[in-house]
C-alpha atoms as a PDB file:
ATOM      1  CA  UNK A   1     248.715  34.624 204.253  1.00  0.00           C
ATOM      2  CA  UNK A   2     246.315  33.670 206.606  1.00  0.00           C
ATOM      3  CA  UNK A   3     243.922  30.094 206.085  1.00  0.00           C
ATOM      4  CA  UNK A   4     240.632  30.897 205.864  1.00  0.00           C
ATOM      5  CA  UNK A   5     239.923  28.509 209.336  1.00  0.00           C
ATOM      6  CA  UNK A   6     242.466  30.851 210.874  1.00  0.00           C
ATOM      7  CA  UNK A   7     239.931  34.051 209.792  1.00  0.00           C
ATOM      8  CA  UNK A   8     237.169  35.201 211.895  1.00  0.00           C
ATOM      9  CA  UNK A   9     233.688  34.556 210.612  1.00  0.00           C
ATOM     10  CA  UNK A  10     232.323  37.995 209.041  1.00  0.00           C
ATOM     11  CA  UNK A  11     228.771  39.431 209.922  1.00  0.00           C
ATOM     12  CA  UNK A  12     227.719  42.152 207.396  1.00  0.00           C
ATOM     13  CA  UNK A  13     224.952  44.756 208.499  1.00  0.00           C
ATOM     14  CA  UNK A  14     222.686  46.926 205.972  1.00  0.00           C
ATOM     15  CA  UNK A  15     222.608  50.398 207.235  1.00  0.00           C
ATOM     16  CA  UNK A  16     220.701  53.173 205.967  1.00  0.00           C
ATOM     17  CA  UNK A  17     219.205  56.108 207.742  1.00  0.00           C
ATOM     18  CA  UNK A  18     216.407  55.018 209.463  1.00  0.00           C
ATOM     19  CA  UNK A  19     216.190  54.533 212.862  1.00  0.00           C
ATOM     20  CA  UNK A  20     215.377  50.692 212.657  1.00  0.00           C
ATOM     21  CA  UNK A  21     218.808  50.232 210.888  1.00  0.00           C
ATOM     22  CA  UNK A  22     220.681  51.877 213.863  1.00  0.00           C
ATOM     23  CA  UNK A  23     218.697  49.848 216.030  1.00  0.00           C
ATOM     24  CA  UNK A  24     219.863  46.674 214.014  1.00  0.00           C
ATOM     25  CA  UNK A  25     223.073  47.735 214.277  1.00  0.00           C
ATOM     26  CA  UNK A  26     223.011  48.419 218.334  1.00  0.00           C
ATOM     27  CA  UNK A  27     221.465  44.790 217.947  1.00  0.00           C
ATOM     28  CA  UNK A  28     224.700  43.463 216.564  1.00  0.00           C
ATOM     29  CA  UNK A  29     226.981  45.346 218.615  1.00  0.00           C
ATOM     30  CA  UNK A  30     225.101  44.434 222.132  1.00  0.00           C
ATOM     31  CA  UNK A  31     224.539  40.415 221.012  1.00  0.00           C
ATOM     32  CA  UNK A  32     227.832  40.052 219.222  1.00  0.00           C
ATOM     33  CA  UNK A  33     230.663  42.167 220.267  1.00  0.00           C
ATOM     34  CA  UNK A  34     230.716  42.126 224.113  1.00  0.00           C
ATOM     35  CA  UNK A  35     233.211  44.480 225.652  1.00  0.00           C
ATOM     36  CA  UNK A  36     234.162  41.084 227.584  1.00  0.00           C
ATOM     37  CA  UNK A  37     235.454  39.194 224.134  1.00  0.00           C
ATOM     38  CA  UNK A  38     238.585  40.737 223.556  1.00  0.00           C
ATOM     39  CA  UNK A  39     239.370  40.344 220.573  1.00  0.00           C
ATOM     40  CA  UNK A  40     236.004  40.022 219.194  1.00  0.00           C
ATOM     41  CA  UNK A  41     235.254  36.511 217.427  1.00  0.00           C
ATOM     42  CA  UNK A  42     233.871  38.453 214.541  1.00  0.00           C
ATOM     43  CA  UNK A  43     234.536  40.980 212.267  1.00  0.00           C
ATOM     44  CA  UNK A  44     231.669  43.644 211.075  1.00  0.00           C
ATOM     45  CA  UNK A  45     231.286  44.865 207.827  1.00  0.00           C
ATOM     46  CA  UNK A  46     229.065  47.470 207.653  1.00  0.00           C
ATOM     47  CA  UNK A  47     227.221  48.306 203.970  1.00  0.00           C
ATOM     48  CA  UNK A  48     225.178  51.481 202.713  1.00  0.00           C
ATOM     49  CA  UNK A  49     223.366  51.321 199.423  1.00  0.00           C
ATOM     50  CA  UNK A  50     223.714  54.620 198.352  1.00  0.00           C
ATOM     51  CA  UNK A  51     220.763  54.859 195.805  1.00  0.00           C
ATOM     52  CA  UNK A  52     221.677  55.781 192.259  1.00  0.00           C
ATOM     53  CA  UNK A  53     220.120  58.946 190.508  1.00  0.00           C
ATOM     54  CA  UNK A  54     218.527  57.513 188.155  1.00  0.00           C
ATOM     55  CA  UNK A  55     216.317  56.635 190.914  1.00  0.00           C
ATOM     56  CA  UNK A  56     214.860  59.822 191.685  1.00  0.00           C
ATOM     57  CA  UNK A  57     215.521  61.625 188.046  1.00  0.00           C
ATOM     58  CA  UNK A  58     214.477  59.934 184.560  1.00  0.00           C
ATOM     59  CA  UNK A  59     217.620  59.556 182.453  1.00  0.00           C
ATOM     60  CA  UNK A  60     217.361  59.689 178.586  1.00  0.00           C
ATOM     61  CA  UNK A  61     221.281  59.229 177.806  1.00  0.00           C
ATOM     62  CA  UNK A  62     224.680  59.690 179.084  1.00  0.00           C
ATOM     63  CA  UNK A  63     224.274  62.953 180.513  1.00  0.00           C
ATOM     64  CA  UNK A  64     220.503  64.070 179.710  1.00  0.00           C
ATOM     65  CA  UNK A  65     218.176  64.268 182.434  1.00  0.00           C
ATOM     66  CA  UNK A  66     214.577  64.669 181.626  1.00  0.00           C
ATOM     67  CA  UNK A  67     212.812  67.238 183.085  1.00  0.00           C
ATOM     68  CA  UNK A  68     214.997  68.838 185.316  1.00  0.00           C
ATOM     69  CA  UNK A  69     217.617  71.979 185.061  1.00  0.00           C
ATOM     70  CA  UNK A  70     221.415  70.854 183.899  1.00  0.00           C
ATOM     71  CA  UNK A  71     223.559  69.662 186.366  1.00  0.00           C
ATOM     72  CA  UNK A  72     220.733  68.440 188.722  1.00  0.00           C
ATOM     73  CA  UNK A  73     221.691  65.034 187.935  1.00  0.00           C
ATOM     74  CA  UNK A  74     225.672  65.733 189.273  1.00  0.00           C
ATOM     75  CA  UNK A  75     223.734  67.638 192.474  1.00  0.00           C
ATOM     76  CA  UNK A  76     221.721  64.904 193.318  1.00  0.00           C
ATOM     77  CA  UNK A  77     225.030  62.223 192.883  1.00  0.00           C
ATOM     78  CA  UNK A  78     226.752  64.773 195.475  1.00  0.00           C
ATOM     79  CA  UNK A  79     223.719  64.668 197.801  1.00  0.00           C
ATOM     80  CA  UNK A  80     223.280  61.340 197.922  1.00  0.00           C
ATOM     81  CA  UNK A  81     226.846  60.451 198.560  1.00  0.00           C
ATOM     82  CA  UNK A  82     227.247  63.645 201.453  1.00  0.00           C
ATOM     83  CA  UNK A  83     224.110  61.452 202.662  1.00  0.00           C
ATOM     84  CA  UNK A  84     225.882  58.191 202.767  1.00  0.00           C
ATOM     85  CA  UNK A  85     229.006  59.564 204.231  1.00  0.00           C
ATOM     86  CA  UNK A  86     226.700  61.023 207.346  1.00  0.00           C
ATOM     87  CA  UNK A  87     225.011  57.161 207.727  1.00  0.00           C
ATOM     88  CA  UNK A  88     228.912  55.995 207.916  1.00  0.00           C
ATOM     89  CA  UNK A  89     229.728  58.654 210.189  1.00  0.00           C
ATOM     90  CA  UNK A  90     226.321  57.773 212.101  1.00  0.00           C
ATOM     91  CA  UNK A  91     227.232  53.606 212.377  1.00  0.00           C
ATOM     92  CA  UNK A  92     231.218  54.859 213.070  1.00  0.00           C
ATOM     93  CA  UNK A  93     229.933  56.720 216.206  1.00  0.00           C
ATOM     94  CA  UNK A  94     227.995  54.388 217.485  1.00  0.00           C
ATOM     95  CA  UNK A  95     230.653  51.070 217.171  1.00  0.00           C
ATOM     96  CA  UNK A  96     233.567  54.039 218.739  1.00  0.00           C
ATOM     97  CA  UNK A  97     230.469  54.305 221.429  1.00  0.00           C
ATOM     98  CA  UNK A  98     230.889  50.565 222.141  1.00  0.00           C
ATOM     99  CA  UNK A  99     234.095  50.636 222.146  1.00  0.00           C
ATOM    100  CA  UNK A 100     233.749  48.058 218.712  1.00  0.00           C
ATOM    101  CA  UNK A 101     236.960  48.776 216.639  1.00  0.00           C
ATOM    102  CA  UNK A 102     238.363  47.381 213.221  1.00  0.00           C
ATOM    103  CA  UNK A 103     234.994  47.706 211.367  1.00  0.00           C
ATOM    104  CA  UNK A 104     234.900  48.026 207.719  1.00  0.00           C
ATOM    105  CA  UNK A 105     232.454  50.125 206.428  1.00  0.00           C
ATOM    106  CA  UNK A 106     231.299  50.079 202.995  1.00  0.00           C
ATOM    107  CA  UNK A 107     229.326  52.409 200.384  1.00  0.00           C
ATOM    108  CA  UNK A 108     228.574  50.937 197.305  1.00  0.00           C
ATOM    109  CA  UNK A 109     225.685  51.755 194.362  1.00  0.00           C
ATOM    110  CA  UNK A 110     222.870  50.686 193.843  1.00  0.00           C
ATOM    111  CA  UNK A 111     219.371  48.489 195.318  1.00  0.00           C
ATOM    112  CA  UNK A 112     220.048  47.874 198.833  1.00  0.00           C
ATOM    113  CA  UNK A 113     218.701  44.245 198.125  1.00  0.00           C
ATOM    114  CA  UNK A 114     221.414  43.365 195.326  1.00  0.00           C
ATOM    115  CA  UNK A 115     224.281  45.833 197.464  1.00  0.00           C
ATOM    116  CA  UNK A 116     223.598  43.672 200.715  1.00  0.00           C
ATOM    117  CA  UNK A 117     223.716  40.000 198.629  1.00  0.00           C
ATOM    118  CA  UNK A 118     226.666  40.628 197.116  1.00  0.00           C
ATOM    119  CA  UNK A 119     228.304  41.778 199.692  1.00  0.00           C
ATOM    120  CA  UNK A 120     227.850  38.905 201.505  1.00  0.00           C
ATOM    121  CA  UNK A 121     229.145  37.254 198.810  1.00  0.00           C
ATOM    122  CA  UNK A 122     232.381  39.513 198.504  1.00  0.00           C
ATOM    123  CA  UNK A 123     233.319  39.021 202.261  1.00  0.00           C
ATOM    124  CA  UNK A 124     232.170  35.199 202.252  1.00  0.00           C
ATOM    125  CA  UNK A 125     230.095  36.319 205.382  1.00  0.00           C
ATOM    126  CA  UNK A 126     228.206  33.688 208.002  1.00  0.00           C
ATOM    127  CA  UNK A 127     225.522  36.603 208.751  1.00  0.00           C
ATOM    128  CA  UNK A 128     223.477  39.208 207.619  1.00  0.00           C
ATOM    129  CA  UNK A 129     221.789  41.288 209.596  1.00  0.00           C
ATOM    130  CA  UNK A 130     219.242  44.159 208.662  1.00  0.00           C
ATOM    131  CA  UNK A 131     216.320  46.137 210.272  1.00  0.00           C
ATOM    132  CA  UNK A 132     213.032  45.834 209.745  1.00  0.00           C
ATOM    133  CA  UNK A 133     210.721  48.841 208.980  1.00  0.00           C
ATOM    134  CA  UNK A 134     207.750  47.327 210.309  1.00  0.00           C
ATOM    135  CA  UNK A 135     205.859  47.666 207.306  1.00  0.00           C
ATOM    136  CA  UNK A 136     202.472  45.469 206.672  1.00  0.00           C
ATOM    137  CA  UNK A 137     201.505  43.363 203.622  1.00  0.00           C
ATOM    138  CA  UNK A 138     200.608  46.501 201.434  1.00  0.00           C
ATOM    139  CA  UNK A 139     203.277  48.330 201.657  1.00  0.00           C
ATOM    140  CA  UNK A 140     205.633  45.127 201.624  1.00  0.00           C
ATOM    141  CA  UNK A 141     203.794  44.931 198.077  1.00  0.00           C
ATOM    142  CA  UNK A 142     204.126  48.260 197.176  1.00  0.00           C
ATOM    143  CA  UNK A 143     207.702  49.269 197.996  1.00  0.00           C
ATOM    144  CA  UNK A 144     209.304  46.553 198.567  1.00  0.00           C
ATOM    145  CA  UNK A 145     211.114  44.497 201.245  1.00  0.00           C
ATOM    146  CA  UNK A 146     214.845  44.796 201.491  1.00  0.00           C
ATOM    147  CA  UNK A 147     214.666  42.174 204.827  1.00  0.00           C
ATOM    148  CA  UNK A 148     212.160  39.858 203.125  1.00  0.00           C
ATOM    149  CA  UNK A 149     214.493  39.741 199.695  1.00  0.00           C
ATOM    150  CA  UNK A 150     217.876  38.973 201.577  1.00  0.00           C
ATOM    151  CA  UNK A 151     216.141  36.309 203.992  1.00  0.00           C
ATOM    152  CA  UNK A 152     215.183  34.377 200.637  1.00  0.00           C
ATOM    153  CA  UNK A 153     218.318  34.903 198.311  1.00  0.00           C
ATOM    154  CA  UNK A 154     221.191  35.744 200.627  1.00  0.00           C
ATOM    155  CA  UNK A 155     223.962  32.867 200.987  1.00  0.00           C
ATOM    156  CA  UNK A 156     223.664  33.158 204.915  1.00  0.00           C
ATOM    157  CA  UNK A 157     221.506  33.383 207.962  1.00  0.00           C
ATOM    158  CA  UNK A 158     220.170  36.318 207.970  1.00  0.00           C
ATOM    159  CA  UNK A 159     218.884  37.929 211.233  1.00  0.00           C
ATOM    160  CA  UNK A 160     215.950  40.634 210.607  1.00  0.00           C
ATOM    161  CA  UNK A 161     216.095  42.690 213.703  1.00  0.00           C
ATOM    162  CA  UNK A 162     212.767  44.382 214.682  1.00  0.00           C
ATOM    163  CA  UNK A 163     212.765  48.190 216.322  1.00  0.00           C
ATOM    164  CA  UNK A 164     211.273  47.817 219.420  1.00  0.00           C
ATOM    165  CA  UNK A 165     208.289  50.271 220.117  1.00  0.00           C
ATOM    166  CA  UNK A 166     208.552  52.715 221.851  1.00  0.00           C
ATOM    167  CA  UNK A 167     205.438  53.910 224.447  1.00  0.00           C
ATOM    168  CA  UNK A 168     203.876  57.042 224.050  1.00  0.00           C
END
């Protein structure tokens, strides 16, 4: 068994289906996984937080969905799983295009803020990378900010990557 001193430091990166998340993944690969460094200096863990279906429908109890047709909960859950698989596949494609292998991909169910902070703890990560949607103060107050939450609660360095604006 390898000692903790011999293990590579871990970078956890959170991805969703947004352009800013994939820009953050690109940034991480460009800055920490240079093709001139073989083997890479870091271990990369890509994490997607799959929302729980209850976020989208009202649940009155086990198997009882309020205001929807029978089977809606299961259909929604299956759609969320397919979407998560597509996000992980896209992230894997970005890693492969940059010739980065050995990446660990995870899909965890729950709120992204909690999922990412727990992943950092579980893997003993030294850095968490998240993309910034660039919301203003009002949207952040109404929607919440994963990056703000992680910057305050993750027990490691947090890099918040802003998506460069493209000129029209």
